[in-house]
C-alpha atoms as a PDB file:
ATOM      1  CA  MET A   1      -1.440-110.847  87.802  1.00  0.00           C
ATOM      2  CA  ASN A   2      -3.381-112.075  90.798  1.00  0.00           C
ATOM      3  CA  PHE A   3      -3.446-115.770  91.539  1.00  0.00           C
ATOM      4  CA  VAL A   4      -6.110-117.285  93.740  1.00  0.00           C
ATOM      5  CA  ALA A   5      -5.658-120.814  95.019  1.00  0.00           C
ATOM      6  CA  TYR A   6      -8.290-122.948  96.671  1.00  0.00           C
ATOM      7  CA  ASN A   7      -7.121-125.775  98.894  1.00  0.00           C
ATOM      8  CA  VAL A   8      -9.960-128.092  97.887  1.00  0.00           C
ATOM      9  CA  PHE A   9      -8.468-131.308  99.246  1.00  0.00           C
ATOM     10  CA  ARG A  10      -6.783-129.691 102.249  1.00  0.00           C
ATOM     11  CA  LEU A  11      -3.385-131.150 101.356  1.00  0.00           C
ATOM     12  CA  ASN A  12      -1.005-128.976 103.343  1.00  0.00           C
ATOM     13  CA  ARG A  13       1.870-131.474 103.248  1.00  0.00           C
ATOM     14  CA  ALA A  14       2.040-131.314  99.452  1.00  0.00           C
ATOM     15  CA  LYS A  15       1.836-127.539  99.250  1.00  0.00           C
ATOM     16  CA  ARG A  16       5.571-126.868  98.812  1.00  0.00           C
ATOM     17  CA  PRO A  17       6.273-129.582  96.190  1.00  0.00           C
ATOM     18  CA  VAL A  18       3.171-128.608  94.225  1.00  0.00           C
ATOM     19  CA  GLN A  19       4.179-124.931  94.261  1.00  0.00           C
ATOM     20  CA  THR A  20       7.680-125.871  93.114  1.00  0.00           C
ATOM     21  CA  ILE A  21       6.436-128.059  90.261  1.00  0.00           C
ATOM     22  CA  THR A  22       3.876-125.446  89.253  1.00  0.00           C
ATOM     23  CA  GLY A  23       6.493-122.686  89.220  1.00  0.00           C
ATOM     24  CA  LEU A  24       8.959-124.738  87.193  1.00  0.00           C
ATOM     25  CA  THR A  25       6.236-125.730  84.732  1.00  0.00           C
ATOM     26  CA  ALA A  26       5.168-122.102  84.305  1.00  0.00           C
ATOM     27  CA  ALA A  27       8.774-121.031  83.684  1.00  0.00           C
ATOM     28  CA  LEU A  28       9.290-123.834  81.166  1.00  0.00           C
ATOM     29  CA  LEU A  29       6.095-122.966  79.291  1.00  0.00           C
ATOM     30  CA  ARG A  30       7.079-119.302  79.169  1.00  0.00           C
ATOM     31  CA  CYS A  31      10.518-120.177  77.816  1.00  0.00           C
ATOM     32  CA  VAL A  32       9.025-122.469  75.166  1.00  0.00           C
ATOM     33  CA  SER A  33       6.446-119.874  74.110  1.00  0.00           C
ATOM     34  CA  LEU A  34       9.147-117.184  73.771  1.00  0.00           C
ATOM     35  CA  HIS A  35      11.228-119.585  71.689  1.00  0.00           C
ATOM     36  CA  VAL A  36       8.274-120.322  69.394  1.00  0.00           C
ATOM     37  CA  ILE A  37       7.576-116.600  68.970  1.00  0.00           C
ATOM     38  CA  THR A  38      11.246-115.989  68.107  1.00  0.00           C
ATOM     39  CA  ILE A  39      11.228-118.753  65.485  1.00  0.00           C
ATOM     40  CA  TYR A  40       7.982-117.436  63.984  1.00  0.00           C
ATOM     41  CA  HIS A  41       9.413-113.911  63.788  1.00  0.00           C
ATOM     42  CA  ALA A  42      12.594-115.175  62.086  1.00  0.00           C
ATOM     43  CA  GLN A  43      10.545-117.120  59.528  1.00  0.00           C
ATOM     44  CA  LEU A  44       8.366-114.091  58.858  1.00  0.00           C
ATOM     45  CA  MET A  45      11.429-111.909  58.270  1.00  0.00           C
ATOM     46  CA  MET A  46      12.856-114.544  55.903  1.00  0.00           C
ATOM     47  CA  VAL A  47       9.608-114.619  53.901  1.00  0.00           C
ATOM     48  CA  ARG A  48       9.597-110.830  53.640  1.00  0.00           C
ATOM     49  CA  SER A  49      13.239-110.807  52.537  1.00  0.00           C
ATOM     50  CA  THR A  50      12.562-113.489  49.909  1.00  0.00           C
ATOM     51  CA  ALA A  51       9.554-111.536  48.629  1.00  0.00           C
ATOM     52  CA  LYS A  52      11.689-108.396  48.254  1.00  0.00           C
ATOM     53  CA  LEU A  53      14.371-110.334  46.346  1.00  0.00           C
ATOM     54  CA  TYR A  54      11.739-111.842  44.063  1.00  0.00           C
ATOM     55  CA  ASP A  55      10.190-108.431  43.414  1.00  0.00           C
ATOM     56  CA  ARG A  56      13.580-106.912  42.549  1.00  0.00           C
ATOM     57  CA  HIS A  57      14.388-109.800  40.205  1.00  0.00           C
ATOM     58  CA  LYS A  58      10.983-109.565  38.512  1.00  0.00           C
ATOM     59  CA  THR A  59      11.346-105.803  38.052  1.00  0.00           C
ATOM     60  CA  ALA A  60      14.805-106.252  36.538  1.00  0.00           C
ATOM     61  CA  LEU A  61      13.478-108.894  34.119  1.00  0.00           C
ATOM     62  CA  ILE A  62      10.583-106.676  33.048  1.00  0.00           C
ATOM     63  CA  LYS A  63      12.927-103.756  32.437  1.00  0.00           C
ATOM     64  CA  ALA A  64      15.276-106.007  30.431  1.00  0.00           C
ATOM     65  CA  VAL A  65      12.446-107.297  28.253  1.00  0.00           C
ATOM     66  CA  GLN A  66      11.051-103.797  27.611  1.00  0.00           C
ATOM     67  CA  HIS A  67      14.389-102.448  26.331  1.00  0.00           C
END
């Protein structure tokens, strides 16, 4: 990824602190987004597992009623 910065206000004294804050913010956002993706994936797997259990139970009930 290429990053282009424009020093619009010519603030050279604040360059280091701004870079530090920007880097920390980017790292925090990446960590949060990975956490959200992990939670979403876990919920999706739980829904799939529940659907399989329901399908097995329904099939067993249908077989029991037919016999």
